[in-house]
Amino acid sequence: MKKFLFFAPALALAGCSSAPPPSFAPLNYSYLRPIIFKVATLNVVNNYTPAPGEAALIANNPAPPEATLEAMLKNRMQPSGQPGTGTITIQNASIIETGGNLVGQMVVDINLTSADGRSSGYAEASVSRSEAAPDNDDPTSADMQTALYGMTKKLMTAINVQLPYEIAHNIPSWVSWTNQGGVGAGTSGSAGADAGGIQAAPLGAPGSSSAAPAAPAATGTATPVNNNLAVPNYLPGAGPAALGSPAQ
């Protein structure tokens, strides 16, 4: 009996210390349909400089907001190969702890210019989220890492809705919808023939006199219906069905 009582606490301590650390799946948004702009080159620039106090949170975030946002933009925003240039700039991609809360923000702007410089387009998307920080606010703790990962995920979900919305309302004439990815150099299109994109050839650059091509004949395939109430019906072929079912 004495031996049993002696080893019991040791076994209890061993059980407490054997809990595995949390694991976090990479946040990958390559499943989203690309947004193709009527430009030949499209650069993604990170213009955000974190404050010194953010370093510990960034280092311990399983999905750092800057890197996650930049990877999504480079994959999803694509050039069509038509004359013109574009720059997509990350102005903010931060998560800070203030007043006992985690506060996150993402700001992205898009600047497009035609080859002759006579036409230009601009859109900006901004999203923010705030929630209570965990009681254990040590950046290296599992609780804080889980909270940081969750905040990045919420910000990315929001920006992937807000950015297409701003594009549709501010620079729709600069977007070229096809069933293929961009045809320009450096394009990594992921929307194939079965992706449900609009069947249309790229239009002329904004401000040109090119007429829109005739609509293709119906194929008999029903257009997917957006039943996701969390995603508004805009930007055909990219917005409504892009994010799937709302998070539970």
C-alpha atoms as a PDB file:
ATOM      1  CA  MET A   1       0.000   0.000   0.000  1.00  0.00           C
ATOM      2  CA  LYS A   2       2.814   2.404   0.905  1.00  0.00           C
ATOM      3  CA  LYS A   3       4.498   1.751  -2.412  1.00  0.00           C
ATOM      4  CA  PHE A   4       1.246   2.477  -4.258  1.00  0.00           C
ATOM      5  CA  LEU A   5       0.752   5.748  -2.371  1.00  0.00           C
ATOM      6  CA  PHE A   6       4.347   6.756  -3.090  1.00  0.00           C
ATOM      7  CA  PHE A   7       4.055   6.234  -6.851  1.00  0.00           C
ATOM      8  CA  ALA A   8       0.539   7.673  -7.255  1.00  0.00           C
ATOM      9  CA  PRO A   9       1.611  11.368  -7.144  1.00  0.00           C
ATOM     10  CA  ALA A  10       4.440  10.661  -9.560  1.00  0.00           C
ATOM     11  CA  LEU A  11       2.035   9.061 -12.006  1.00  0.00           C
ATOM     12  CA  ALA A  12      -0.357  11.988 -11.680  1.00  0.00           C
ATOM     13  CA  LEU A  13       2.437  14.465 -12.426  1.00  0.00           C
ATOM     14  CA  ALA A  14       3.578  12.413 -15.376  1.00  0.00           C
ATOM     15  CA  GLY A  15       0.037  12.454 -16.758  1.00  0.00           C
ATOM     16  CA  CYS A  16      -0.197  16.250 -16.438  1.00  0.00           C
ATOM     17  CA  SER A  17       3.120  16.865 -18.185  1.00  0.00           C
ATOM     18  CA  SER A  18       2.448  14.554 -21.113  1.00  0.00           C
ATOM     19  CA  ALA A  19      -0.229  16.710 -22.785  1.00  0.00           C
ATOM     20  CA  PRO A  20       0.926  17.321 -26.373  1.00  0.00           C
ATOM     21  CA  PRO A  21       1.324  20.924 -27.528  1.00  0.00           C
ATOM     22  CA  PRO A  22      -1.424  22.221 -29.833  1.00  0.00           C
ATOM     23  CA  SER A  23      -0.932  21.815 -33.557  1.00  0.00           C
ATOM     24  CA  PHE A  24      -2.046  24.356 -36.142  1.00  0.00           C
ATOM     25  CA  ALA A  25      -2.801  23.642 -39.782  1.00  0.00           C
ATOM     26  CA  PRO A  26      -1.285  26.142 -42.245  1.00  0.00           C
ATOM     27  CA  LEU A  27      -3.797  28.749 -43.434  1.00  0.00           C
ATOM     28  CA  ASN A  28      -3.915  28.063 -47.167  1.00  0.00           C
ATOM     29  CA  TYR A  29      -6.310  29.967 -49.443  1.00  0.00           C
ATOM     30  CA  SER A  30      -5.275  28.508 -52.783  1.00  0.00           C
ATOM     31  CA  TYR A  31      -8.773  26.991 -53.140  1.00  0.00           C
ATOM     32  CA  LEU A  32     -10.240  30.463 -53.727  1.00  0.00           C
ATOM     33  CA  ARG A  33     -10.866  31.390 -57.351  1.00  0.00           C
ATOM     34  CA  PRO A  34      -8.366  33.974 -58.613  1.00  0.00           C
ATOM     35  CA  ILE A  35      -9.304  37.577 -59.343  1.00  0.00           C
ATOM     36  CA  ILE A  36      -7.796  38.504 -62.700  1.00  0.00           C
ATOM     37  CA  PHE A  37      -6.954  42.135 -63.471  1.00  0.00           C
ATOM     38  CA  LYS A  38      -6.546  43.697 -66.933  1.00  0.00           C
ATOM     39  CA  VAL A  39      -2.852  44.426 -66.510  1.00  0.00           C
ATOM     40  CA  ALA A  40       0.368  42.829 -67.673  1.00  0.00           C
ATOM     41  CA  THR A  41       2.177  43.040 -64.342  1.00  0.00           C
ATOM     42  CA  LEU A  42       0.776  42.908 -60.831  1.00  0.00           C
ATOM     43  CA  ASN A  43       3.076  43.344 -57.856  1.00  0.00           C
ATOM     44  CA  VAL A  44       2.280  42.634 -54.209  1.00  0.00           C
ATOM     45  CA  VAL A  45       4.125  44.971 -51.839  1.00  0.00           C
ATOM     46  CA  ASN A  46       4.253  44.748 -48.061  1.00  0.00           C
ATOM     47  CA  ASN A  47       4.345  48.329 -46.778  1.00  0.00           C
ATOM     48  CA  TYR A  48       3.614  47.480 -43.142  1.00  0.00           C
ATOM     49  CA  THR A  49       6.292  47.872 -40.482  1.00  0.00           C
ATOM     50  CA  PRO A  50       5.371  46.220 -37.153  1.00  0.00           C
ATOM     51  CA  ALA A  51       5.945  48.162 -33.949  1.00  0.00           C
ATOM     52  CA  PRO A  52       8.679  46.798 -31.653  1.00  0.00           C
ATOM     53  CA  GLY A  53       6.052  45.593 -29.187  1.00  0.00           C
ATOM     54  CA  GLU A  54       4.556  43.268 -31.811  1.00  0.00           C
ATOM     55  CA  ALA A  55       7.696  41.195 -32.284  1.00  0.00           C
ATOM     56  CA  ALA A  56       6.904  38.624 -29.586  1.00  0.00           C
ATOM     57  CA  LEU A  57       3.334  38.111 -30.809  1.00  0.00           C
ATOM     58  CA  ILE A  58       4.465  37.750 -34.424  1.00  0.00           C
ATOM     59  CA  ALA A  59       7.213  35.293 -33.494  1.00  0.00           C
ATOM     60  CA  ASN A  60       4.795  33.074 -31.570  1.00  0.00           C
ATOM     61  CA  ASN A  61       1.820  33.291 -33.932  1.00  0.00           C
ATOM     62  CA  PRO A  62       1.455  29.970 -35.797  1.00  0.00           C
ATOM     63  CA  ALA A  63       0.061  31.995 -38.740  1.00  0.00           C
ATOM     64  CA  PRO A  64       1.703  35.447 -38.800  1.00  0.00           C
ATOM     65  CA  PRO A  65      -0.807  37.872 -40.361  1.00  0.00           C
ATOM     66  CA  GLU A  66       1.650  39.599 -42.701  1.00  0.00           C
ATOM     67  CA  ALA A  67       2.996  36.419 -44.259  1.00  0.00           C
ATOM     68  CA  THR A  68      -0.447  34.794 -44.443  1.00  0.00           C
ATOM     69  CA  LEU A  69      -2.031  37.810 -46.146  1.00  0.00           C
ATOM     70  CA  GLU A  70       0.856  38.263 -48.572  1.00  0.00           C
ATOM     71  CA  ALA A  71       0.763  34.608 -49.638  1.00  0.00           C
ATOM     72  CA  MET A  72      -3.001  34.803 -50.300  1.00  0.00           C
ATOM     73  CA  LEU A  73      -2.684  37.992 -52.359  1.00  0.00           C
ATOM     74  CA  LYS A  74       0.145  36.627 -54.485  1.00  0.00           C
ATOM     75  CA  ASN A  75      -1.840  33.481 -55.213  1.00  0.00           C
ATOM     76  CA  ARG A  76      -5.303  34.973 -55.746  1.00  0.00           C
ATOM     77  CA  MET A  77      -4.624  38.335 -57.447  1.00  0.00           C
ATOM     78  CA  GLN A  78      -3.418  37.690 -60.991  1.00  0.00           C
ATOM     79  CA  PRO A  79      -2.622  39.661 -64.186  1.00  0.00           C
ATOM     80  CA  SER A  80      -4.353  38.845 -67.466  1.00  0.00           C
ATOM     81  CA  GLY A  81      -1.425  39.910 -69.636  1.00  0.00           C
ATOM     82  CA  GLN A  82      -3.165  42.949 -71.125  1.00  0.00           C
ATOM     83  CA  PRO A  83      -1.266  46.281 -71.213  1.00  0.00           C
ATOM     84  CA  GLY A  84      -1.112  48.057 -67.893  1.00  0.00           C
ATOM     85  CA  THR A  85       0.416  47.741 -64.451  1.00  0.00           C
ATOM     86  CA  GLY A  86      -0.885  47.194 -60.954  1.00  0.00           C
ATOM     87  CA  THR A  87       0.356  47.266 -57.382  1.00  0.00           C
ATOM     88  CA  ILE A  88      -1.356  45.638 -54.417  1.00  0.00           C
ATOM     89  CA  THR A  89      -0.056  47.067 -51.158  1.00  0.00           C
ATOM     90  CA  ILE A  90      -0.389  45.670 -47.644  1.00  0.00           C
ATOM     91  CA  GLN A  91      -0.745  48.780 -45.506  1.00  0.00           C
ATOM     92  CA  ASN A  92      -1.513  46.971 -42.260  1.00  0.00           C
ATOM     93  CA  ALA A  93      -1.484  43.356 -41.082  1.00  0.00           C
ATOM     94  CA  SER A  94      -1.251  43.563 -37.329  1.00  0.00           C
ATOM     95  CA  ILE A  95      -2.370  41.854 -34.162  1.00  0.00           C
ATOM     96  CA  ILE A  96      -1.598  43.695 -30.940  1.00  0.00           C
ATOM     97  CA  GLU A  97      -2.500  43.222 -27.288  1.00  0.00           C
ATOM     98  CA  THR A  98      -3.953  46.297 -25.643  1.00  0.00           C
ATOM     99  CA  GLY A  99      -6.195  46.789 -22.629  1.00  0.00           C
ATOM    100  CA  GLY A 100      -6.568  43.056 -22.112  1.00  0.00           C
ATOM    101  CA  ASN A 101      -7.738  42.537 -25.699  1.00  0.00           C
ATOM    102  CA  LEU A 102      -6.247  41.206 -28.901  1.00  0.00           C
ATOM    103  CA  VAL A 103      -6.904  43.730 -31.665  1.00  0.00           C
ATOM    104  CA  GLY A 104      -6.253  42.795 -35.290  1.00  0.00           C
ATOM    105  CA  GLN A 105      -6.417  44.816 -38.490  1.00  0.00           C
ATOM    106  CA  MET A 106      -5.727  44.272 -42.182  1.00  0.00           C
ATOM    107  CA  VAL A 107      -5.675  47.032 -44.806  1.00  0.00           C
ATOM    108  CA  VAL A 108      -4.982  46.355 -48.492  1.00  0.00           C
ATOM    109  CA  ASP A 109      -5.104  48.834 -51.363  1.00  0.00           C
ATOM    110  CA  ILE A 110      -4.987  48.270 -55.103  1.00  0.00           C
ATOM    111  CA  ASN A 111      -3.624  50.762 -57.654  1.00  0.00           C
ATOM    112  CA  LEU A 112      -4.010  50.056 -61.384  1.00  0.00           C
ATOM    113  CA  THR A 113      -2.789  52.105 -64.352  1.00  0.00           C
ATOM    114  CA  SER A 114      -3.336  51.609 -68.092  1.00  0.00           C
ATOM    115  CA  ALA A 115      -0.339  51.397 -70.417  1.00  0.00           C
ATOM    116  CA  ASP A 116      -0.854  54.946 -71.733  1.00  0.00           C
ATOM    117  CA  GLY A 117      -1.355  56.341 -68.246  1.00  0.00           C
ATOM    118  CA  ARG A 118      -4.746  57.810 -69.089  1.00  0.00           C
ATOM    119  CA  SER A 119      -6.805  55.436 -66.978  1.00  0.00           C
ATOM    120  CA  SER A 120      -6.340  54.403 -63.383  1.00  0.00           C
ATOM    121  CA  GLY A 121      -8.227  52.491 -60.742  1.00  0.00           C
ATOM    122  CA  TYR A 122      -8.093  52.366 -56.967  1.00  0.00           C
ATOM    123  CA  ALA A 123      -9.725  50.261 -54.264  1.00  0.00           C
ATOM    124  CA  GLU A 124      -9.036  49.737 -50.579  1.00  0.00           C
ATOM    125  CA  ALA A 125     -10.272  47.071 -48.190  1.00  0.00           C
ATOM    126  CA  SER A 126      -9.986  47.326 -44.422  1.00  0.00           C
ATOM    127  CA  VAL A 127     -11.108  44.845 -41.769  1.00  0.00           C
ATOM    128  CA  SER A 128     -10.599  44.656 -38.016  1.00  0.00           C
ATOM    129  CA  ARG A 129     -11.424  42.290 -35.191  1.00  0.00           C
ATOM    130  CA  SER A 130     -11.139  42.467 -31.393  1.00  0.00           C
ATOM    131  CA  GLU A 131     -11.548  39.876 -28.653  1.00  0.00           C
ATOM    132  CA  ALA A 132     -10.452  39.315 -25.072  1.00  0.00           C
ATOM    133  CA  ALA A 133      -6.894  38.083 -24.694  1.00  0.00           C
ATOM    134  CA  PRO A 134      -6.434  34.782 -22.847  1.00  0.00           C
ATOM    135  CA  ASP A 135      -5.744  34.907 -19.123  1.00  0.00           C
ATOM    136  CA  ASN A 136      -2.293  33.500 -19.772  1.00  0.00           C
ATOM    137  CA  ASP A 137      -0.993  36.246 -22.047  1.00  0.00           C
ATOM    138  CA  ASP A 138       2.546  34.911 -22.242  1.00  0.00           C
ATOM    139  CA  PRO A 139       3.212  34.945 -26.014  1.00  0.00           C
ATOM    140  CA  THR A 140       4.809  31.511 -25.788  1.00  0.00           C
ATOM    141  CA  SER A 141       1.831  29.898 -24.031  1.00  0.00           C
ATOM    142  CA  ALA A 142      -0.469  27.495 -25.841  1.00  0.00           C
ATOM    143  CA  ASP A 143      -3.479  29.651 -24.969  1.00  0.00           C
ATOM    144  CA  MET A 144      -1.969  32.756 -26.563  1.00  0.00           C
ATOM    145  CA  GLN A 145      -0.782  30.869 -29.651  1.00  0.00           C
ATOM    146  CA  THR A 146      -4.283  29.466 -30.118  1.00  0.00           C
ATOM    147  CA  ALA A 147      -5.791  32.941 -29.749  1.00  0.00           C
ATOM    148  CA  LEU A 148      -3.331  34.498 -32.213  1.00  0.00           C
ATOM    149  CA  TYR A 149      -3.947  31.764 -34.768  1.00  0.00           C
ATOM    150  CA  GLY A 150      -7.707  32.211 -34.411  1.00  0.00           C
ATOM    151  CA  MET A 151      -7.418  35.987 -34.822  1.00  0.00           C
ATOM    152  CA  THR A 152      -5.392  35.640 -38.019  1.00  0.00           C
ATOM    153  CA  LYS A 153      -7.951  33.177 -39.373  1.00  0.00           C
ATOM    154  CA  LYS A 154     -10.845  35.564 -38.638  1.00  0.00           C
ATOM    155  CA  LEU A 155      -9.034  38.478 -40.268  1.00  0.00           C
ATOM    156  CA  MET A 156      -8.272  36.418 -43.377  1.00  0.00           C
ATOM    157  CA  THR A 157     -11.882  35.279 -43.691  1.00  0.00           C
ATOM    158  CA  ALA A 158     -13.004  38.902 -43.427  1.00  0.00           C
ATOM    159  CA  ILE A 159     -10.486  40.296 -45.938  1.00  0.00           C
ATOM    160  CA  ASN A 160     -11.372  37.578 -48.444  1.00  0.00           C
ATOM    161  CA  VAL A 161     -14.938  38.904 -48.384  1.00  0.00           C
ATOM    162  CA  GLN A 162     -14.246  42.635 -48.093  1.00  0.00           C
ATOM    163  CA  LEU A 163     -11.547  42.870 -50.768  1.00  0.00           C
ATOM    164  CA  PRO A 164     -13.667  41.360 -53.596  1.00  0.00           C
ATOM    165  CA  TYR A 165     -16.552  43.572 -52.464  1.00  0.00           C
ATOM    166  CA  GLU A 166     -14.434  46.730 -52.791  1.00  0.00           C
ATOM    167  CA  ILE A 167     -13.095  45.587 -56.155  1.00  0.00           C
ATOM    168  CA  ALA A 168     -16.620  44.988 -57.457  1.00  0.00           C
ATOM    169  CA  HIS A 169     -17.831  48.393 -56.308  1.00  0.00           C
ATOM    170  CA  ASN A 170     -14.804  50.535 -57.185  1.00  0.00           C
ATOM    171  CA  ILE A 171     -12.892  49.006 -60.088  1.00  0.00           C
ATOM    172  CA  PRO A 172     -15.178  46.439 -61.777  1.00  0.00           C
ATOM    173  CA  SER A 173     -14.050  47.472 -65.291  1.00  0.00           C
ATOM    174  CA  TRP A 174     -10.488  46.423 -64.427  1.00  0.00           C
ATOM    175  CA  VAL A 175     -11.467  42.826 -63.709  1.00  0.00           C
ATOM    176  CA  SER A 176     -11.408  40.155 -66.403  1.00  0.00           C
ATOM    177  CA  TRP A 177     -13.454  37.041 -65.665  1.00  0.00           C
ATOM    178  CA  THR A 178     -12.669  33.858 -67.552  1.00  0.00           C
ATOM    179  CA  ASN A 179     -12.775  30.162 -66.867  1.00  0.00           C
ATOM    180  CA  GLN A 180      -8.994  30.147 -66.926  1.00  0.00           C
ATOM    181  CA  GLY A 181      -6.356  31.827 -64.812  1.00  0.00           C
ATOM    182  CA  GLY A 182      -4.510  34.922 -66.048  1.00  0.00           C
ATOM    183  CA  VAL A 183      -2.622  34.463 -69.278  1.00  0.00           C
ATOM    184  CA  GLY A 184       0.189  36.867 -68.470  1.00  0.00           C
ATOM    185  CA  ALA A 185       3.675  35.932 -67.386  1.00  0.00           C
ATOM    186  CA  GLY A 186       3.963  34.910 -63.779  1.00  0.00           C
ATOM    187  CA  THR A 187       0.317  33.912 -63.528  1.00  0.00           C
ATOM    188  CA  SER A 188      -0.509  30.853 -61.460  1.00  0.00           C
ATOM    189  CA  GLY A 189      -4.150  30.387 -62.423  1.00  0.00           C
ATOM    190  CA  SER A 190      -6.059  27.729 -60.508  1.00  0.00           C
ATOM    191  CA  ALA A 191      -9.556  28.073 -61.959  1.00  0.00           C
ATOM    192  CA  GLY A 192     -10.040  25.319 -64.496  1.00  0.00           C
ATOM    193  CA  ALA A 193     -12.923  24.574 -66.815  1.00  0.00           C
ATOM    194  CA  ASP A 194     -14.840  22.952 -63.994  1.00  0.00           C
ATOM    195  CA  ALA A 195     -14.409  25.855 -61.577  1.00  0.00           C
ATOM    196  CA  GLY A 196     -17.610  27.585 -62.587  1.00  0.00           C
ATOM    197  CA  GLY A 197     -16.013  30.856 -63.726  1.00  0.00           C
ATOM    198  CA  ILE A 198     -17.744  33.148 -66.208  1.00  0.00           C
ATOM    199  CA  GLN A 199     -17.152  31.982 -69.755  1.00  0.00           C
ATOM    200  CA  ALA A 200     -15.922  35.232 -71.308  1.00  0.00           C
ATOM    201  CA  ALA A 201     -12.822  36.468 -73.089  1.00  0.00           C
ATOM    202  CA  PRO A 202     -10.878  39.279 -71.371  1.00  0.00           C
ATOM    203  CA  LEU A 203     -12.250  42.702 -72.271  1.00  0.00           C
ATOM    204  CA  GLY A 204     -10.182  45.639 -73.486  1.00  0.00           C
ATOM    205  CA  ALA A 205      -8.321  47.760 -70.960  1.00  0.00           C
ATOM    206  CA  PRO A 206     -10.439  50.334 -69.127  1.00  0.00           C
ATOM    207  CA  GLY A 207     -10.963  53.430 -71.240  1.00  0.00           C
ATOM    208  CA  SER A 208     -10.466  51.592 -74.537  1.00  0.00           C
ATOM    209  CA  SER A 209     -13.076  51.421 -77.268  1.00  0.00           C
ATOM    210  CA  SER A 210     -13.068  47.641 -77.471  1.00  0.00           C
ATOM    211  CA  ALA A 211     -16.548  46.184 -77.505  1.00  0.00           C
ATOM    212  CA  ALA A 212     -17.471  43.459 -75.103  1.00  0.00           C
ATOM    213  CA  PRO A 213     -17.510  39.996 -76.698  1.00  0.00           C
ATOM    214  CA  ALA A 214     -20.798  38.241 -77.273  1.00  0.00           C
ATOM    215  CA  ALA A 215     -22.019  36.084 -74.451  1.00  0.00           C
ATOM    216  CA  PRO A 216     -21.301  32.377 -74.998  1.00  0.00           C
ATOM    217  CA  ALA A 217     -24.064  29.925 -75.680  1.00  0.00           C
ATOM    218  CA  ALA A 218     -25.599  28.238 -72.698  1.00  0.00           C
ATOM    219  CA  THR A 219     -24.133  24.848 -71.924  1.00  0.00           C
ATOM    220  CA  GLY A 220     -27.080  23.533 -69.959  1.00  0.00           C
ATOM    221  CA  THR A 221     -25.086  23.466 -66.730  1.00  0.00           C
ATOM    222  CA  ALA A 222     -26.922  25.163 -63.914  1.00  0.00           C
ATOM    223  CA  THR A 223     -25.170  28.127 -62.311  1.00  0.00           C
ATOM    224  CA  PRO A 224     -24.200  27.365 -58.705  1.00  0.00           C
ATOM    225  CA  VAL A 225     -26.465  29.076 -56.213  1.00  0.00           C
ATOM    226  CA  ASN A 226     -24.917  30.878 -53.252  1.00  0.00           C
ATOM    227  CA  ASN A 227     -26.660  29.501 -50.168  1.00  0.00           C
ATOM    228  CA  ASN A 228     -24.053  30.909 -47.801  1.00  0.00           C
ATOM    229  CA  LEU A 229     -25.717  33.816 -45.988  1.00  0.00           C
ATOM    230  CA  ALA A 230     -22.344  34.950 -44.686  1.00  0.00           C
ATOM    231  CA  VAL A 231     -21.095  35.726 -48.196  1.00  0.00           C
ATOM    232  CA  PRO A 232     -22.954  38.396 -50.210  1.00  0.00           C
ATOM    233  CA  ASN A 233     -23.840  37.882 -53.852  1.00  0.00           C
ATOM    234  CA  TYR A 234     -21.251  39.882 -55.710  1.00  0.00           C
ATOM    235  CA  LEU A 235     -18.311  39.317 -58.032  1.00  0.00           C
ATOM    236  CA  PRO A 236     -19.636  36.318 -60.048  1.00  0.00           C
ATOM    237  CA  GLY A 237     -17.296  33.390 -60.136  1.00  0.00           C
ATOM    238  CA  ALA A 238     -15.226  34.504 -57.168  1.00  0.00           C
ATOM    239  CA  GLY A 239     -17.226  35.923 -54.295  1.00  0.00           C
ATOM    240  CA  PRO A 240     -20.397  33.992 -53.475  1.00  0.00           C
ATOM    241  CA  ALA A 241     -19.128  30.425 -53.355  1.00  0.00           C
ATOM    242  CA  ALA A 242     -15.501  31.146 -52.581  1.00  0.00           C
ATOM    243  CA  LEU A 243     -15.505  30.726 -48.840  1.00  0.00           C
ATOM    244  CA  GLY A 244     -17.771  27.689 -48.522  1.00  0.00           C
ATOM    245  CA  SER A 245     -20.050  27.209 -45.546  1.00  0.00           C
ATOM    246  CA  PRO A 246     -19.950  29.727 -42.699  1.00  0.00           C
ATOM    247  CA  ALA A 247     -17.762  28.816 -39.750  1.00  0.00           C
ATOM    248  CA  GLN A 248     -19.654  27.177 -36.902  1.00  0.00           C
END
